[in-house]
C-alpha atoms as a PDB file:
ATOM      1  CA  MET A   1     -20.144-131.162-157.710  1.00  0.00           C
ATOM      2  CA  PHE A   2     -19.133-127.250-157.126  1.00  0.00           C
ATOM      3  CA  ARG A   3     -17.918-127.037-160.784  1.00  0.00           C
ATOM      4  CA  TYR A   4     -21.259-128.854-162.024  1.00  0.00           C
ATOM      5  CA  ILE A   5     -23.353-126.021-160.592  1.00  0.00           C
ATOM      6  CA  LEU A   6     -21.419-123.301-161.822  1.00  0.00           C
ATOM      7  CA  PHE A   7     -21.250-124.481-165.474  1.00  0.00           C
ATOM      8  CA  PHE A   8     -25.011-124.052-165.108  1.00  0.00           C
ATOM      9  CA  LEU A   9     -25.232-121.053-163.765  1.00  0.00           C
ATOM     10  CA  VAL A  10     -23.184-119.493-166.298  1.00  0.00           C
ATOM     11  CA  VAL A  11     -24.757-121.001-169.216  1.00  0.00           C
ATOM     12  CA  THR A  12     -28.113-119.821-167.695  1.00  0.00           C
ATOM     13  CA  LEU A  13     -26.535-116.048-167.283  1.00  0.00           C
ATOM     14  CA  LEU A  14     -25.333-116.122-170.818  1.00  0.00           C
ATOM     15  CA  SER A  15     -28.712-116.881-172.253  1.00  0.00           C
ATOM     16  CA  GLY A  16     -30.360-113.668-170.604  1.00  0.00           C
ATOM     17  CA  CYS A  17     -32.500-116.134-168.410  1.00  0.00           C
ATOM     18  CA  ILE A  18     -30.892-115.811-164.943  1.00  0.00           C
ATOM     19  CA  THR A  19     -32.664-114.346-161.963  1.00  0.00           C
ATOM     20  CA  SER A  20     -31.551-112.733-159.085  1.00  0.00           C
ATOM     21  CA  GLY A  21     -31.314-115.519-156.594  1.00  0.00           C
ATOM     22  CA  GLU A  22     -29.394-117.195-159.433  1.00  0.00           C
ATOM     23  CA  TYR A  23     -27.182-114.312-160.002  1.00  0.00           C
ATOM     24  CA  LEU A  24     -26.144-114.223-156.169  1.00  0.00           C
ATOM     25  CA  ALA A  25     -25.378-118.130-156.725  1.00  0.00           C
ATOM     26  CA  LEU A  26     -23.044-117.492-159.044  1.00  0.00           C
ATOM     27  CA  LYS A  27     -21.041-114.435-157.306  1.00  0.00           C
ATOM     28  CA  ASN A  28     -20.864-116.830-154.592  1.00  0.00           C
ATOM     29  CA  ASP A  29     -19.120-119.094-156.665  1.00  0.00           C
ATOM     30  CA  VAL A  30     -16.835-116.540-158.197  1.00  0.00           C
ATOM     31  CA  ASN A  31     -15.632-115.663-154.566  1.00  0.00           C
ATOM     32  CA  GLN A  32     -15.072-119.548-154.035  1.00  0.00           C
ATOM     33  CA  LEU A  33     -12.769-119.739-156.943  1.00  0.00           C
ATOM     34  CA  LYS A  34     -11.177-116.909-155.834  1.00  0.00           C
ATOM     35  CA  ARG A  35     -10.345-117.975-152.153  1.00  0.00           C
ATOM     36  CA  ASP A  36      -9.219-121.288-153.954  1.00  0.00           C
ATOM     37  CA  TYR A  37      -7.043-118.774-155.800  1.00  0.00           C
ATOM     38  CA  TYR A  38      -5.584-117.019-152.683  1.00  0.00           C
ATOM     39  CA  SER A  39      -5.174-120.156-150.916  1.00  0.00           C
ATOM     40  CA  HIS A  40      -2.950-121.577-153.720  1.00  0.00           C
ATOM     41  CA  ASP A  41      -0.722-118.382-153.302  1.00  0.00           C
ATOM     42  CA  ARG A  42      -0.192-118.717-150.074  1.00  0.00           C
ATOM     43  CA  ASP A  43       1.001-122.134-150.222  1.00  0.00           C
ATOM     44  CA  LEU A  44       3.332-121.017-152.952  1.00  0.00           C
ATOM     45  CA  ALA A  45       4.965-118.262-150.376  1.00  0.00           C
ATOM     46  CA  VAL A  46       5.286-121.128-147.673  1.00  0.00           C
ATOM     47  CA  ILE A  47       7.342-122.939-150.131  1.00  0.00           C
ATOM     48  CA  LYS A  48       9.470-120.446-151.181  1.00  0.00           C
ATOM     49  CA  ARG A  49      10.202-119.650-147.748  1.00  0.00           C
ATOM     50  CA  GLU A  50      11.054-122.765-146.715  1.00  0.00           C
ATOM     51  CA  PHE A  51      13.495-123.296-149.741  1.00  0.00           C
ATOM     52  CA  ASN A  52      15.076-120.326-148.980  1.00  0.00           C
ATOM     53  CA  THR A  53      15.994-121.617-145.454  1.00  0.00           C
ATOM     54  CA  VAL A  54      17.372-124.692-147.113  1.00  0.00           C
ATOM     55  CA  ARG A  55      19.239-122.958-149.623  1.00  0.00           C
ATOM     56  CA  ASP A  56      21.050-120.688-146.697  1.00  0.00           C
ATOM     57  CA  THR A  57      21.811-124.280-145.188  1.00  0.00           C
ATOM     58  CA  SER A  58      23.516-125.434-148.367  1.00  0.00           C
ATOM     59  CA  LYS A  59      25.651-122.396-148.628  1.00  0.00           C
ATOM     60  CA  GLN A  60      26.607-122.640-144.949  1.00  0.00           C
ATOM     61  CA  SER A  61      27.644-126.007-145.076  1.00  0.00           C
ATOM     62  CA  VAL A  62      30.355-125.754-147.728  1.00  0.00           C
ATOM     63  CA  GLY A  63      32.545-123.699-145.534  1.00  0.00           C
ATOM     64  CA  ARG A  64      32.768-126.353-142.517  1.00  0.00           C
ATOM     65  CA  GLU A  65      35.825-128.231-142.203  1.00  0.00           C
ATOM     66  CA  SER A  66      34.585-131.686-141.600  1.00  0.00           C
ATOM     67  CA  PHE A  67      34.152-133.373-144.879  1.00  0.00           C
ATOM     68  CA  ASP A  68      31.665-135.847-142.936  1.00  0.00           C
ATOM     69  CA  ALA A  69      29.490-132.890-141.785  1.00  0.00           C
ATOM     70  CA  ILE A  70      29.592-131.765-145.106  1.00  0.00           C
ATOM     71  CA  ARG A  71      28.352-135.016-146.670  1.00  0.00           C
ATOM     72  CA  GLU A  72      25.850-135.351-144.183  1.00  0.00           C
ATOM     73  CA  SER A  73      24.542-131.853-144.676  1.00  0.00           C
ATOM     74  CA  GLN A  74      24.192-132.056-148.188  1.00  0.00           C
ATOM     75  CA  GLN A  75      22.324-135.096-148.030  1.00  0.00           C
ATOM     76  CA  GLU A  76      19.793-133.854-145.628  1.00  0.00           C
ATOM     77  CA  THR A  77      19.762-130.809-147.981  1.00  0.00           C
ATOM     78  CA  ASN A  78      19.257-133.239-151.089  1.00  0.00           C
ATOM     79  CA  SER A  79      16.355-134.635-149.194  1.00  0.00           C
ATOM     80  CA  GLN A  80      14.415-131.667-148.178  1.00  0.00           C
ATOM     81  CA  LEU A  81      15.001-130.197-151.752  1.00  0.00           C
ATOM     82  CA  LEU A  82      13.576-133.308-153.159  1.00  0.00           C
ATOM     83  CA  SER A  83      10.779-132.874-150.776  1.00  0.00           C
ATOM     84  CA  PHE A  84      10.161-129.445-152.002  1.00  0.00           C
ATOM     85  CA  SER A  85      10.066-130.234-155.646  1.00  0.00           C
ATOM     86  CA  LYS A  86       7.712-133.018-154.852  1.00  0.00           C
ATOM     87  CA  GLU A  87       5.388-130.454-153.366  1.00  0.00           C
ATOM     88  CA  LEU A  88       5.551-128.003-156.043  1.00  0.00           C
ATOM     89  CA  GLN A  89       4.382-130.618-158.465  1.00  0.00           C
ATOM     90  CA  THR A  90       1.813-131.389-156.475  1.00  0.00           C
ATOM     91  CA  LEU A  91       0.789-127.410-156.086  1.00  0.00           C
ATOM     92  CA  GLN A  92       1.553-127.371-160.056  1.00  0.00           C
ATOM     93  CA  GLY A  93      -1.352-129.870-160.281  1.00  0.00           C
ATOM     94  CA  LYS A  94      -3.732-128.303-158.095  1.00  0.00           C
ATOM     95  CA  PHE A  95      -2.893-124.881-159.845  1.00  0.00           C
ATOM     96  CA  ASP A  96      -3.676-126.553-163.230  1.00  0.00           C
ATOM     97  CA  GLU A  97      -7.198-127.432-162.173  1.00  0.00           C
ATOM     98  CA  TYR A  98      -8.067-124.146-160.681  1.00  0.00           C
ATOM     99  CA  ARG A  99      -6.911-122.384-164.159  1.00  0.00           C
ATOM    100  CA  PHE A 100      -8.618-124.351-166.337  1.00  0.00           C
ATOM    101  CA  ASP A 101     -11.936-124.131-164.393  1.00  0.00           C
ATOM    102  CA  ILE A 102     -11.722-120.207-164.325  1.00  0.00           C
ATOM    103  CA  GLU A 103     -10.502-119.776-167.874  1.00  0.00           C
ATOM    104  CA  LYS A 104     -13.357-122.336-168.995  1.00  0.00           C
ATOM    105  CA  SER A 105     -16.198-120.837-166.953  1.00  0.00           C
ATOM    106  CA  PHE A 106     -15.428-116.758-166.796  1.00  0.00           C
ATOM    107  CA  ARG A 107     -13.965-116.374-170.606  1.00  0.00           C
ATOM    108  CA  GLN A 108     -17.324-114.242-171.032  1.00  0.00           C
ATOM    109  CA  ASN A 109     -16.413-111.603-168.484  1.00  0.00           C
ATOM    110  CA  SER A 110     -13.472-110.279-170.218  1.00  0.00           C
ATOM    111  CA  SER A 111     -12.496-107.555-167.823  1.00  0.00           C
ATOM    112  CA  GLU A 112     -12.454-109.643-164.816  1.00  0.00           C
ATOM    113  CA  PHE A 113     -11.208-112.910-166.632  1.00  0.00           C
ATOM    114  CA  ASP A 114      -8.185-110.709-168.097  1.00  0.00           C
ATOM    115  CA  SER A 115      -7.486-109.434-164.345  1.00  0.00           C
ATOM    116  CA  ILE A 116      -7.569-113.004-163.184  1.00  0.00           C
ATOM    117  CA  ARG A 117      -5.360-114.750-165.909  1.00  0.00           C
ATOM    118  CA  ALA A 118      -2.731-112.197-165.176  1.00  0.00           C
ATOM    119  CA  ARG A 119      -2.562-112.885-161.781  1.00  0.00           C
ATOM    120  CA  LEU A 120      -2.472-116.862-162.786  1.00  0.00           C
ATOM    121  CA  ASP A 121       0.324-115.757-165.332  1.00  0.00           C
ATOM    122  CA  LYS A 122       2.277-114.455-162.542  1.00  0.00           C
ATOM    123  CA  ILE A 123       2.290-117.505-160.122  1.00  0.00           C
ATOM    124  CA  GLU A 124       2.743-119.908-162.930  1.00  0.00           C
ATOM    125  CA  LYS A 125       5.955-118.564-164.129  1.00  0.00           C
ATOM    126  CA  GLU A 126       7.183-117.862-160.088  1.00  0.00           C
ATOM    127  CA  MET A 127       6.451-121.751-160.136  1.00  0.00           C
ATOM    128  CA  THR A 128       8.309-122.492-162.709  1.00  0.00           C
ATOM    129  CA  ASP A 129      11.584-120.372-161.659  1.00  0.00           C
ATOM    130  CA  LEU A 130      11.540-121.910-158.228  1.00  0.00           C
ATOM    131  CA  LYS A 131      11.321-125.307-159.546  1.00  0.00           C
ATOM    132  CA  ALA A 132      14.431-124.625-162.007  1.00  0.00           C
ATOM    133  CA  THR A 133      16.036-123.265-159.042  1.00  0.00           C
ATOM    134  CA  VAL A 134      15.445-126.104-156.920  1.00  0.00           C
ATOM    135  CA  THR A 135      16.830-128.490-159.680  1.00  0.00           C
ATOM    136  CA  SER A 136      19.744-126.201-160.356  1.00  0.00           C
ATOM    137  CA  LEU A 137      20.474-126.409-156.486  1.00  0.00           C
ATOM    138  CA  ARG A 138      20.365-130.027-155.879  1.00  0.00           C
ATOM    139  CA  GLY A 139      22.557-130.603-158.535  1.00  0.00           C
ATOM    140  CA  ALA A 140      24.912-128.281-157.210  1.00  0.00           C
ATOM    141  CA  VAL A 141      24.671-129.654-153.676  1.00  0.00           C
ATOM    142  CA  SER A 142      25.343-133.081-155.140  1.00  0.00           C
ATOM    143  CA  GLN A 143      28.480-132.244-156.585  1.00  0.00           C
ATOM    144  CA  GLY A 144      30.186-132.843-152.703  1.00  0.00           C
ATOM    145  CA  SER A 145      32.464-129.228-152.693  1.00  0.00           C
ATOM    146  CA  THR A 146      32.795-126.276-154.638  1.00  0.00           C
ATOM    147  CA  LYS A 147      35.812-127.305-156.200  1.00  0.00           C
ATOM    148  CA  ARG A 148      34.003-129.751-158.181  1.00  0.00           C
ATOM    149  CA  ALA A 149      31.223-127.464-158.974  1.00  0.00           C
ATOM    150  CA  SER A 150      33.001-126.071-162.087  1.00  0.00           C
ATOM    151  CA  ALA A 151      34.005-129.346-163.412  1.00  0.00           C
ATOM    152  CA  GLY A 152      30.767-130.702-163.239  1.00  0.00           C
ATOM    153  CA  GLU A 153      28.648-127.344-164.641  1.00  0.00           C
ATOM    154  CA  GLU A 154      27.593-129.313-167.756  1.00  0.00           C
ATOM    155  CA  SER A 155      26.570-132.500-165.987  1.00  0.00           C
ATOM    156  CA  LYS A 156      24.615-130.156-163.637  1.00  0.00           C
ATOM    157  CA  LYS A 157      23.073-128.606-166.976  1.00  0.00           C
ATOM    158  CA  GLY A 158      22.263-132.230-168.099  1.00  0.00           C
ATOM    159  CA  GLU A 159      20.429-132.775-164.861  1.00  0.00           C
ATOM    160  CA  VAL A 160      17.773-130.092-164.978  1.00  0.00           C
ATOM    161  CA  SER A 161      17.271-130.495-168.743  1.00  0.00           C
ATOM    162  CA  LYS A 162      16.188-134.416-167.617  1.00  0.00           C
ATOM    163  CA  LYS A 163      14.542-133.500-164.231  1.00  0.00           C
ATOM    164  CA  SER A 164      12.462-131.035-166.114  1.00  0.00           C
ATOM    165  CA  SER A 165      11.437-132.934-168.934  1.00  0.00           C
ATOM    166  CA  PRO A 166       8.209-134.415-167.229  1.00  0.00           C
ATOM    167  CA  ASP A 167       7.025-130.978-166.313  1.00  0.00           C
ATOM    168  CA  GLU A 168       7.821-129.669-170.163  1.00  0.00           C
ATOM    169  CA  LEU A 169       5.623-132.688-171.528  1.00  0.00           C
ATOM    170  CA  TYR A 170       2.774-132.090-168.873  1.00  0.00           C
ATOM    171  CA  LYS A 171       2.994-128.673-169.664  1.00  0.00           C
ATOM    172  CA  THR A 172       2.689-128.944-173.317  1.00  0.00           C
ATOM    173  CA  SER A 173      -0.214-131.108-172.938  1.00  0.00           C
ATOM    174  CA  TYR A 174      -2.040-128.969-170.540  1.00  0.00           C
ATOM    175  CA  GLY A 175      -1.687-126.384-172.981  1.00  0.00           C
ATOM    176  CA  TYR A 176      -3.047-128.473-175.866  1.00  0.00           C
ATOM    177  CA  LEU A 177      -5.916-128.930-173.611  1.00  0.00           C
ATOM    178  CA  LYS A 178      -6.885-125.520-172.782  1.00  0.00           C
ATOM    179  CA  LYS A 179      -6.604-124.712-176.662  1.00  0.00           C
ATOM    180  CA  GLY A 180      -9.135-127.381-177.355  1.00  0.00           C
ATOM    181  CA  GLU A 181      -6.523-129.512-179.361  1.00  0.00           C
ATOM    182  CA  TYR A 182      -7.514-132.601-177.342  1.00  0.00           C
ATOM    183  CA  LYS A 183      -5.863-135.078-179.944  1.00  0.00           C
ATOM    184  CA  LYS A 184      -2.439-133.396-179.303  1.00  0.00           C
ATOM    185  CA  ALA A 185      -3.232-132.916-175.738  1.00  0.00           C
ATOM    186  CA  ARG A 186      -4.261-136.862-175.309  1.00  0.00           C
ATOM    187  CA  LYS A 187      -1.217-138.124-177.247  1.00  0.00           C
ATOM    188  CA  GLY A 188       1.236-135.868-174.932  1.00  0.00           C
ATOM    189  CA  PHE A 189      -0.726-137.228-171.599  1.00  0.00           C
ATOM    190  CA  SER A 190      -0.449-140.737-172.781  1.00  0.00           C
ATOM    191  CA  ASP A 191       3.312-140.089-173.824  1.00  0.00           C
ATOM    192  CA  PHE A 192       3.717-138.540-170.216  1.00  0.00           C
ATOM    193  CA  LEU A 193       2.136-141.856-168.398  1.00  0.00           C
ATOM    194  CA  LYS A 194       4.231-143.841-170.327  1.00  0.00           C
ATOM    195  CA  ARG A 195       7.072-142.320-169.560  1.00  0.00           C
ATOM    196  CA  TYR A 196       6.613-141.195-165.772  1.00  0.00           C
ATOM    197  CA  LYS A 197       4.022-143.538-164.303  1.00  0.00           C
ATOM    198  CA  ASN A 198       4.818-142.735-161.158  1.00  0.00           C
ATOM    199  CA  ASN A 199       5.732-139.162-161.187  1.00  0.00           C
ATOM    200  CA  ALA A 200       3.685-136.443-159.014  1.00  0.00           C
ATOM    201  CA  LEU A 201       2.001-135.253-161.787  1.00  0.00           C
ATOM    202  CA  SER A 202       0.787-138.734-162.791  1.00  0.00           C
ATOM    203  CA  ASP A 203      -2.568-138.776-161.541  1.00  0.00           C
ATOM    204  CA  ASN A 204      -2.983-135.446-162.944  1.00  0.00           C
ATOM    205  CA  SER A 205      -2.426-136.478-166.574  1.00  0.00           C
ATOM    206  CA  GLN A 206      -4.722-139.487-165.965  1.00  0.00           C
ATOM    207  CA  PHE A 207      -7.622-137.372-165.223  1.00  0.00           C
ATOM    208  CA  TRP A 208      -6.889-134.664-167.996  1.00  0.00           C
ATOM    209  CA  LEU A 209      -6.571-137.759-170.461  1.00  0.00           C
ATOM    210  CA  GLY A 210     -10.303-138.526-169.705  1.00  0.00           C
ATOM    211  CA  GLU A 211     -11.064-134.807-169.913  1.00  0.00           C
ATOM    212  CA  THR A 212     -10.176-134.814-173.466  1.00  0.00           C
ATOM    213  CA  TYR A 213     -12.847-137.623-174.335  1.00  0.00           C
ATOM    214  CA  TYR A 214     -15.189-136.067-172.254  1.00  0.00           C
ATOM    215  CA  SER A 215     -14.833-132.641-173.618  1.00  0.00           C
ATOM    216  CA  GLU A 216     -15.045-134.078-177.226  1.00  0.00           C
ATOM    217  CA  LYS A 217     -18.379-135.856-175.764  1.00  0.00           C
ATOM    218  CA  ASP A 218     -16.781-139.586-176.316  1.00  0.00           C
ATOM    219  CA  TYR A 219     -18.139-140.524-172.955  1.00  0.00           C
ATOM    220  CA  GLU A 220     -17.613-144.352-173.182  1.00  0.00           C
ATOM    221  CA  ASN A 221     -13.828-143.527-173.400  1.00  0.00           C
ATOM    222  CA  ALA A 222     -14.129-141.070-170.471  1.00  0.00           C
ATOM    223  CA  ILE A 223     -15.674-143.048-168.286  1.00  0.00           C
ATOM    224  CA  ILE A 224     -12.652-145.739-168.962  1.00  0.00           C
ATOM    225  CA  GLU A 225     -10.216-143.369-168.461  1.00  0.00           C
ATOM    226  CA  TYR A 226     -11.293-142.120-165.436  1.00  0.00           C
ATOM    227  CA  GLN A 227     -11.663-145.506-164.033  1.00  0.00           C
ATOM    228  CA  LYS A 228      -8.005-145.828-164.593  1.00  0.00           C
ATOM    229  CA  LEU A 229      -7.449-143.161-162.332  1.00  0.00           C
ATOM    230  CA  ILE A 230      -9.585-144.491-159.772  1.00  0.00           C
ATOM    231  CA  LYS A 231      -7.843-147.654-159.820  1.00  0.00           C
ATOM    232  CA  SER A 232      -3.946-146.714-160.311  1.00  0.00           C
ATOM    233  CA  TYR A 233      -4.148-143.806-158.098  1.00  0.00           C
ATOM    234  CA  PRO A 234      -6.916-144.418-155.348  1.00  0.00           C
ATOM    235  CA  LYS A 235      -5.495-141.707-153.201  1.00  0.00           C
ATOM    236  CA  SER A 236      -5.110-139.038-155.806  1.00  0.00           C
ATOM    237  CA  PRO A 237      -6.972-135.736-154.557  1.00  0.00           C
ATOM    238  CA  LYS A 238      -8.668-135.770-158.409  1.00  0.00           C
ATOM    239  CA  VAL A 239     -10.606-139.431-157.673  1.00  0.00           C
ATOM    240  CA  PRO A 240     -13.603-137.756-156.280  1.00  0.00           C
ATOM    241  CA  SER A 241     -13.619-135.284-159.618  1.00  0.00           C
ATOM    242  CA  ALA A 242     -12.876-138.268-161.593  1.00  0.00           C
ATOM    243  CA  MET A 243     -16.086-140.075-160.372  1.00  0.00           C
ATOM    244  CA  LEU A 244     -18.239-137.406-160.736  1.00  0.00           C
ATOM    245  CA  LYS A 245     -17.473-136.938-164.166  1.00  0.00           C
ATOM    246  CA  GLN A 246     -17.865-140.568-164.698  1.00  0.00           C
ATOM    247  CA  ALA A 247     -21.389-140.501-163.186  1.00  0.00           C
ATOM    248  CA  GLU A 248     -22.224-137.428-165.717  1.00  0.00           C
ATOM    249  CA  SER A 249     -20.717-139.276-168.406  1.00  0.00           C
ATOM    250  CA  PHE A 250     -23.011-142.837-167.722  1.00  0.00           C
ATOM    251  CA  LYS A 251     -25.639-139.816-167.638  1.00  0.00           C
ATOM    252  CA  ASN A 252     -24.977-138.575-170.884  1.00  0.00           C
ATOM    253  CA  ILE A 253     -25.231-142.207-172.613  1.00  0.00           C
ATOM    254  CA  GLY A 254     -28.427-142.522-171.032  1.00  0.00           C
ATOM    255  CA  ASP A 255     -27.169-145.109-168.192  1.00  0.00           C
ATOM    256  CA  ARG A 256     -28.906-143.352-165.197  1.00  0.00           C
ATOM    257  CA  LYS A 257     -28.565-146.378-163.262  1.00  0.00           C
ATOM    258  CA  SER A 258     -24.984-146.747-163.386  1.00  0.00           C
ATOM    259  CA  ALA A 259     -24.645-142.947-162.899  1.00  0.00           C
ATOM    260  CA  GLY A 260     -26.915-143.484-159.867  1.00  0.00           C
ATOM    261  CA  VAL A 261     -24.240-146.161-158.142  1.00  0.00           C
ATOM    262  CA  VAL A 262     -21.280-143.813-158.965  1.00  0.00           C
ATOM    263  CA  LEU A 263     -22.744-141.040-157.485  1.00  0.00           C
ATOM    264  CA  GLN A 264     -24.308-143.075-154.082  1.00  0.00           C
ATOM    265  CA  LEU A 265     -20.436-144.237-154.060  1.00  0.00           C
ATOM    266  CA  LEU A 266     -18.850-140.677-154.318  1.00  0.00           C
ATOM    267  CA  ILE A 267     -20.947-139.622-151.378  1.00  0.00           C
ATOM    268  CA  GLU A 268     -20.276-142.831-149.243  1.00  0.00           C
ATOM    269  CA  LYS A 269     -16.300-142.316-149.786  1.00  0.00           C
ATOM    270  CA  TYR A 270     -16.060-138.232-150.030  1.00  0.00           C
ATOM    271  CA  PRO A 271     -18.606-136.758-148.035  1.00  0.00           C
ATOM    272  CA  ARG A 272     -16.833-133.680-147.397  1.00  0.00           C
ATOM    273  CA  THR A 273     -15.153-132.792-150.820  1.00  0.00           C
ATOM    274  CA  PRO A 274     -16.641-130.043-153.028  1.00  0.00           C
ATOM    275  CA  GLU A 275     -17.776-132.782-155.527  1.00  0.00           C
END
């Protein structure tokens, strides 16, 4: 609901008809987006600290005399790194949503928009670098010993490429979405879902697939794609947003009754969400 209200406030502002009260409401919404951004920044910092701890532990394990102890430590470290990798993917999805909202809503305010975009670019690069390091370290840990690490270098590089391919496909598709190239974005997200149906970013991809239709005002197909998210990924944090957009789509095709039903269900199931 927040983004819905924000959109109309921005439209009103650009039309030159905004009142002082509406202006204050808009500023409050801007501040909320900033708070979301800083919260996102803090989450990334926490993951970095935890990752450094695991990395140090993995380095220490190589010097132990007991092979069983080394193997056990490596398994534990690899499990933790896998957990961090999943956390980063989830964080990437949240980051993409924040960025999409900010760039769509505040493009007209060039000075503030450029400043926010620069900071978002910085965070995105840090996440990309950290994910690459996590993947690389997981490859090194799985080698079993430093003696085999050099011989397995090519294999490790292959693992990095394989592990990063879902991220690359997602990022490319999302890039098309941001540029308004909806058909290319749709194809990319569709390919992602065919290849990586159970990936941590699959629910995000399904949501953005619906957004490609919604942005083209193809509300019937948007409703279908949002429903796929609701049905296939019921625990996804994007379900409330999908339900809101689904209700808006029903409203836009003149089916206010269905829109009302979806909104009522949204309120009942997710009473504490921003939507």
